[in-house]
N, C-alpha and C. Protein backbone atom coordinates (compact mmCIF):
# COMPACT_ATOMS: atom_id res chain seq x y z
N MET A 1 37.96 2.12 8.03
CA MET A 1 37.95 2.24 6.82
C MET A 1 37.05 3.25 6.28
N PHE A 2 35.98 3.44 6.66
CA PHE A 2 35.42 4.76 6.06
C PHE A 2 35.97 6.00 6.56
N GLN A 3 36.08 5.89 8.17
CA GLN A 3 36.87 7.05 8.83
C GLN A 3 38.20 7.47 8.03
N GLN A 4 38.83 6.99 7.55
CA GLN A 4 39.94 7.05 7.04
C GLN A 4 39.77 7.55 5.60
N THR A 5 38.95 7.11 5.00
CA THR A 5 38.07 7.59 3.62
C THR A 5 38.15 9.22 3.55
N LEU A 6 37.38 9.32 4.87
CA LEU A 6 36.98 10.95 5.13
C LEU A 6 37.76 11.76 5.68
N ALA A 7 38.89 11.03 6.63
CA ALA A 7 39.70 11.68 7.31
C ALA A 7 41.03 12.01 6.32
N ASP A 8 41.00 11.56 5.07
CA ASP A 8 42.18 11.88 4.19
C ASP A 8 41.68 13.07 3.64
N ARG A 9 40.18 13.71 3.76
CA ARG A 9 39.79 15.02 2.99
C ARG A 9 39.54 15.95 4.41
N GLY A 10 40.29 15.64 5.42
CA GLY A 10 39.55 16.49 6.49
C GLY A 10 38.18 16.39 7.04
N LEU A 11 37.51 15.19 6.82
CA LEU A 11 36.32 15.21 7.26
C LEU A 11 35.93 14.27 8.36
N THR A 12 34.99 14.29 9.17
CA THR A 12 34.47 13.14 9.89
C THR A 12 33.29 12.32 9.72
N ARG A 13 32.98 11.60 10.04
CA ARG A 13 31.43 10.80 9.61
C ARG A 13 30.39 11.99 9.68
N ARG A 14 30.61 12.70 10.86
CA ARG A 14 29.45 13.74 11.01
C ARG A 14 29.50 14.87 10.17
N HIS A 15 30.54 15.12 9.74
CA HIS A 15 30.56 16.18 8.28
C HIS A 15 29.75 15.40 7.00
N ARG A 16 29.87 14.24 6.98
CA ARG A 16 29.44 13.62 5.85
C ARG A 16 27.82 13.58 6.12
N GLN A 17 27.75 13.36 7.30
CA GLN A 17 26.18 13.18 7.41
C GLN A 17 25.14 14.50 7.30
N VAL A 18 26.08 15.28 7.89
CA VAL A 18 25.28 16.87 7.80
C VAL A 18 25.22 17.17 6.28
N LEU A 19 26.19 16.91 5.66
CA LEU A 19 26.15 17.49 4.23
C LEU A 19 25.47 16.30 3.54
N HIS A 20 25.54 15.09 3.86
CA HIS A 20 24.49 14.33 2.99
C HIS A 20 22.82 14.65 3.03
N ASN A 21 22.43 14.84 4.27
CA ASN A 21 21.29 15.17 4.80
C ASN A 21 20.95 16.49 4.07
N LEU A 22 21.60 17.62 4.11
CA LEU A 22 21.36 18.58 3.55
C LEU A 22 21.38 18.53 1.76
N ALA A 23 22.36 17.86 1.23
CA ALA A 23 22.36 17.72 0.06
C ALA A 23 21.12 17.06 -0.74
N THR A 24 20.74 15.77 0.28
CA THR A 24 19.54 15.23 -0.22
C THR A 24 18.33 15.11 0.19
N ALA A 25 18.17 16.14 1.37
CA ALA A 25 16.90 16.23 1.85
C ALA A 25 16.24 17.97 1.90
N GLY A 26 17.55 18.72 1.57
CA GLY A 26 17.02 20.29 1.35
C GLY A 26 17.48 20.74 2.82
N PRO A 27 17.26 22.18 2.90
CA PRO A 27 17.46 22.70 3.98
C PRO A 27 16.81 22.47 5.41
N HIS A 28 17.43 22.65 6.24
CA HIS A 28 17.05 22.10 7.89
C HIS A 28 17.51 23.12 8.72
N ASP A 29 17.21 23.46 9.88
CA ASP A 29 17.45 24.09 10.94
C ASP A 29 18.57 23.24 12.10
N ALA A 30 18.71 23.79 12.80
CA ALA A 30 19.86 23.05 13.84
C ALA A 30 18.98 21.84 14.20
N ARG A 31 17.67 22.27 15.25
CA ARG A 31 17.00 21.35 15.77
C ARG A 31 16.56 19.96 14.95
N THR A 32 16.16 20.33 13.89
CA THR A 32 15.79 19.13 12.81
C THR A 32 16.94 18.42 12.52
N LEU A 33 18.07 18.97 11.94
CA LEU A 33 19.36 18.27 11.88
C LEU A 33 19.99 17.50 13.04
N THR A 34 19.78 18.12 14.30
CA THR A 34 19.96 17.39 15.49
C THR A 34 19.23 15.88 15.79
N GLU A 35 17.87 16.19 15.67
CA GLU A 35 17.04 14.99 15.62
C GLU A 35 17.27 14.11 14.72
N LYS A 36 17.57 14.28 13.65
CA LYS A 36 17.77 13.14 12.52
C LYS A 36 19.06 12.62 12.67
N LEU A 37 20.00 13.45 13.24
CA LEU A 37 21.19 12.53 13.30
C LEU A 37 21.54 12.21 14.64
N ARG A 38 20.58 12.35 15.88
CA ARG A 38 20.70 11.96 17.16
C ARG A 38 21.09 10.35 17.16
N PRO A 39 20.29 9.46 16.47
CA PRO A 39 21.04 8.02 16.63
C PRO A 39 22.48 7.86 16.16
N PHE A 40 23.00 8.63 15.48
CA PHE A 40 24.27 8.25 14.81
C PHE A 40 25.28 9.16 15.51
N TRP A 41 24.77 10.19 16.53
CA TRP A 41 25.88 10.91 17.02
C TRP A 41 25.92 10.58 18.50
N ASP A 42 27.18 9.87 18.64
CA ASP A 42 27.62 9.29 19.98
C ASP A 42 28.49 10.47 20.77
N GLU A 43 28.13 10.13 22.20
CA GLU A 43 28.63 10.94 23.33
C GLU A 43 29.95 11.37 23.07
N GLY A 44 30.52 12.85 23.14
CA GLY A 44 31.81 12.83 22.91
C GLY A 44 32.32 13.51 21.52
N ALA A 45 31.31 13.16 20.60
CA ALA A 45 31.56 13.34 19.01
C ALA A 45 31.77 15.05 18.85
N VAL A 46 32.23 15.16 17.67
CA VAL A 46 32.33 16.60 17.25
C VAL A 46 31.04 17.06 17.45
N THR A 47 30.63 18.40 17.67
CA THR A 47 29.35 19.04 17.96
C THR A 47 28.92 19.57 16.38
N LEU A 48 27.55 19.56 16.46
CA LEU A 48 26.87 20.01 15.05
C LEU A 48 27.54 21.64 15.03
N ASP A 49 27.63 22.28 15.68
CA ASP A 49 27.86 23.58 15.50
C ASP A 49 29.50 23.78 15.21
N GLU A 50 30.22 22.98 15.54
CA GLU A 50 31.70 22.48 15.07
C GLU A 50 31.89 22.11 13.18
N VAL A 51 30.96 21.10 13.41
CA VAL A 51 30.87 20.52 11.77
C VAL A 51 30.12 21.58 10.69
N THR A 52 29.00 22.33 11.24
CA THR A 52 28.41 23.47 10.19
C THR A 52 29.35 24.58 10.34
N THR A 53 30.18 24.90 11.24
CA THR A 53 31.31 26.15 11.07
C THR A 53 31.98 25.74 9.90
N ASP A 54 32.62 24.35 10.11
CA ASP A 54 33.68 23.88 9.21
C ASP A 54 33.09 23.88 7.55
N LEU A 55 31.74 23.27 7.68
CA LEU A 55 31.23 23.33 6.25
C LEU A 55 30.83 24.91 5.72
N GLU A 56 30.55 25.49 6.63
CA GLU A 56 30.45 27.06 6.04
C GLU A 56 31.60 27.53 5.50
N ALA A 57 33.00 27.22 6.56
CA ALA A 57 34.00 28.01 6.13
C ALA A 57 34.41 27.01 4.68
N ARG A 58 34.07 26.03 4.40
CA ARG A 58 34.52 25.33 3.15
C ARG A 58 33.50 25.75 1.80
N ARG A 59 32.69 26.64 2.25
CA ARG A 59 31.60 27.24 1.24
C ARG A 59 30.58 25.94 0.96
N TRP A 60 30.29 24.87 1.65
CA TRP A 60 29.91 23.50 1.43
C TRP A 60 28.30 23.88 1.55
N ILE A 61 28.14 24.68 2.68
CA ILE A 61 26.65 24.74 3.19
C ILE A 61 26.73 26.36 3.48
N THR A 62 25.47 26.85 3.66
CA THR A 62 25.33 28.30 4.03
C THR A 62 24.03 27.95 5.34
N HIS A 63 24.29 29.20 6.14
CA HIS A 63 23.24 29.48 7.07
C HIS A 63 22.52 30.67 6.93
N ASP A 64 21.39 30.61 6.79
CA ASP A 64 20.45 31.67 6.99
C ASP A 64 20.11 32.16 8.37
N ALA A 65 20.52 33.08 8.79
CA ALA A 65 20.46 33.79 10.06
C ALA A 65 18.97 33.92 10.55
N THR A 66 18.23 34.64 9.83
CA THR A 66 16.77 34.73 9.92
C THR A 66 16.10 33.50 10.07
N SER A 67 16.12 32.53 9.24
CA SER A 67 15.29 31.34 9.49
C SER A 67 15.96 30.30 10.33
N GLY A 68 17.18 30.83 10.21
CA GLY A 68 18.17 29.69 11.07
C GLY A 68 18.63 27.94 10.49
N THR A 69 18.34 28.25 9.19
CA THR A 69 18.21 26.91 8.23
C THR A 69 19.59 26.96 7.77
N TYR A 70 20.05 25.86 7.56
CA TYR A 70 21.32 25.34 6.67
C TYR A 70 20.95 24.95 5.67
N ALA A 71 21.79 25.01 4.50
CA ALA A 71 21.47 24.50 3.02
C ALA A 71 22.70 24.29 2.49
N ALA A 72 22.78 23.22 1.56
CA ALA A 72 23.86 22.76 0.64
C ALA A 72 24.51 23.98 -0.31
N THR A 73 25.29 24.54 -0.79
CA THR A 73 25.49 25.23 -2.01
C THR A 73 25.68 24.05 -3.11
N PRO A 74 25.96 25.06 -4.04
CA PRO A 74 26.48 24.11 -5.27
C PRO A 74 27.77 23.41 -5.00
N GLU A 75 28.83 24.31 -4.43
CA GLU A 75 29.79 23.79 -4.08
C GLU A 75 29.71 22.55 -3.23
N GLY A 76 28.98 22.54 -2.29
CA GLY A 76 28.75 21.13 -1.13
C GLY A 76 27.98 20.28 -2.04
N GLY A 77 27.32 20.86 -3.11
CA GLY A 77 26.63 19.38 -3.86
C GLY A 77 27.84 18.83 -4.40
N THR A 78 28.61 19.30 -5.19
CA THR A 78 29.85 18.44 -5.67
C THR A 78 30.76 17.88 -5.15
N ALA A 79 30.96 18.55 -3.66
CA ALA A 79 31.58 17.87 -2.63
C ALA A 79 30.91 16.64 -2.02
N HIS A 80 29.54 16.78 -1.94
CA HIS A 80 28.93 15.58 -1.57
C HIS A 80 28.72 14.46 -2.76
N ALA A 81 28.86 14.86 -3.86
CA ALA A 81 29.06 13.86 -4.76
C ALA A 81 30.06 13.04 -4.80
N GLU A 82 31.27 13.59 -4.50
CA GLU A 82 32.78 13.30 -4.55
C GLU A 82 32.66 12.25 -3.45
N VAL A 83 32.10 12.71 -2.29
CA VAL A 83 32.39 11.89 -0.76
C VAL A 83 31.43 10.64 -1.18
N GLU A 84 30.42 11.13 -1.62
CA GLU A 84 29.40 9.73 -1.96
C GLU A 84 30.30 8.61 -2.53
N ARG A 85 30.92 9.12 -3.88
CA ARG A 85 31.40 8.35 -4.71
C ARG A 85 32.61 7.55 -3.77
N LEU A 86 33.31 8.36 -2.92
CA LEU A 86 34.45 7.71 -2.36
C LEU A 86 33.84 6.66 -1.08
N VAL A 87 32.72 6.84 -0.46
CA VAL A 87 32.07 5.79 0.39
C VAL A 87 31.42 4.85 -0.33
N THR A 88 31.03 4.84 -1.48
CA THR A 88 30.51 3.63 -2.07
C THR A 88 31.61 3.00 -2.63
N ALA A 89 32.70 3.55 -3.35
CA ALA A 89 33.79 2.71 -3.68
C ALA A 89 34.27 1.68 -2.32
N THR A 90 34.52 2.36 -1.12
CA THR A 90 34.96 1.63 0.12
C THR A 90 33.93 0.80 0.54
N ARG A 91 32.69 0.83 0.62
CA ARG A 91 31.84 0.19 0.93
C ARG A 91 31.77 -1.28 -0.30
N ARG A 92 31.81 -0.91 -1.42
CA ARG A 92 32.19 -2.15 -2.39
C ARG A 92 33.40 -2.92 -2.05
N ARG A 93 34.51 -2.01 -1.73
CA ARG A 93 35.74 -2.96 -1.42
C ARG A 93 35.37 -3.91 -0.10
N LEU A 94 34.63 -3.15 0.84
CA LEU A 94 34.69 -3.90 2.04
C LEU A 94 33.51 -5.00 1.90
N MET A 95 32.81 -5.00 0.69
CA MET A 95 31.59 -6.12 0.53
C MET A 95 31.90 -7.34 -0.43
N THR A 96 33.36 -7.11 -1.02
CA THR A 96 33.83 -7.93 -1.77
C THR A 96 33.71 -9.31 -1.29
N ASP A 97 33.23 -10.27 -1.92
CA ASP A 97 33.02 -11.46 -1.78
C ASP A 97 32.46 -11.84 -0.58
N VAL A 98 31.35 -10.96 -0.09
CA VAL A 98 30.47 -11.17 1.12
C VAL A 98 28.83 -11.18 0.30
N THR A 99 28.30 -12.42 0.65
CA THR A 99 27.13 -12.43 -0.29
C THR A 99 26.09 -11.38 0.91
N ASP A 100 24.94 -11.14 0.26
CA ASP A 100 23.85 -10.47 1.17
C ASP A 100 23.41 -11.20 2.25
N GLU A 101 23.30 -12.70 2.35
CA GLU A 101 23.03 -13.54 3.34
C GLU A 101 24.14 -13.36 4.52
N GLU A 102 25.62 -13.54 4.16
CA GLU A 102 26.42 -13.60 4.94
C GLU A 102 26.42 -11.93 5.56
N TYR A 103 26.22 -11.08 5.04
CA TYR A 103 26.27 -9.78 5.56
C TYR A 103 25.17 -9.77 6.73
N VAL A 104 23.63 -9.97 6.37
CA VAL A 104 22.72 -10.00 7.32
C VAL A 104 22.79 -10.91 8.48
N GLY A 105 23.42 -12.08 8.10
CA GLY A 105 23.75 -12.99 9.43
C GLY A 105 24.90 -12.53 10.08
N THR A 106 25.89 -11.72 9.66
CA THR A 106 27.11 -11.11 10.52
C THR A 106 26.41 -9.94 11.50
N VAL A 107 25.43 -9.19 10.86
CA VAL A 107 25.02 -7.81 11.51
C VAL A 107 23.98 -8.54 12.48
N THR A 108 23.21 -9.43 12.33
CA THR A 108 22.39 -10.14 13.30
C THR A 108 23.15 -10.66 14.47
N VAL A 109 24.30 -11.22 14.10
CA VAL A 109 24.85 -11.91 15.32
C VAL A 109 25.54 -10.74 16.07
N LEU A 110 26.11 -9.80 15.56
CA LEU A 110 26.73 -8.69 16.06
C LEU A 110 25.87 -7.83 17.05
N ALA A 111 24.68 -7.78 16.47
CA ALA A 111 23.59 -6.95 17.18
C ALA A 111 23.04 -7.74 18.45
N ARG A 112 22.97 -9.11 18.51
CA ARG A 112 22.66 -9.88 19.67
C ARG A 112 23.80 -9.98 20.45
N MET A 113 25.02 -9.87 20.05
CA MET A 113 26.19 -9.52 21.01
C MET A 113 26.12 -8.52 21.69
N CYS A 114 25.89 -7.65 20.99
CA CYS A 114 25.67 -6.06 21.58
C CYS A 114 24.58 -6.07 22.72
N SER A 115 23.26 -6.64 22.17
CA SER A 115 22.29 -6.61 23.04
C SER A 115 22.76 -7.59 24.49
N ASN A 116 23.45 -8.43 24.49
CA ASN A 116 23.81 -9.38 25.53
C ASN A 116 24.75 -8.80 26.63
N LEU A 117 25.29 -7.46 26.13
CA LEU A 117 26.18 -6.93 27.05
C LEU A 117 25.32 -5.69 27.62
N GLU A 118 24.27 -5.12 27.44
CA GLU A 118 23.51 -4.34 27.57
C GLU A 118 22.98 -4.61 29.16
N PRO A 119 22.54 -3.80 30.17
CA PRO A 119 22.05 -4.18 31.40
C PRO A 119 20.77 -4.69 31.10
N SER A 120 20.34 -5.83 31.90
CA SER A 120 19.07 -6.02 31.87
C SER A 120 18.29 -5.85 33.05
N PRO A 121 16.80 -5.89 32.97
CA PRO A 121 15.85 -5.29 33.97
C PRO A 121 16.15 -6.23 35.18
N THR A 122 16.81 -7.61 35.10
CA THR A 122 17.01 -8.46 35.99
C THR A 122 18.60 -8.41 36.65
N GLY A 123 19.03 -7.28 36.15
CA GLY A 123 20.47 -7.27 36.48
C GLY A 123 21.53 -8.40 36.41
N ARG A 124 21.23 -9.36 35.36
CA ARG A 124 22.05 -10.27 34.99
C ARG A 124 22.87 -9.75 33.71
């Protein structure tokens, strides 16, 4: 659902994550962005360079070659606000008639199920 919302605008989750980080936390260099986003950046995903190149082409971010930092532009701030509005609306739709308790219970069970599939030290 979120992927489609973003794809309709030619974006991926990675685009949103980079733009969100720069728009809310200020300028970062590639190393800092990589470290901050590593937990969300799956193997085989679009690369940081591909994302930043695309966001620069849209004029949503700039790259200072001297300092190596990326920063959101005013246009990027506007785009970020629009993307966040869409993500919030999608999240609201997704969570309709789901209580906080149900959500927490579901996430807890799913996390346990994923953990059950991880290799154990005993090989079971």
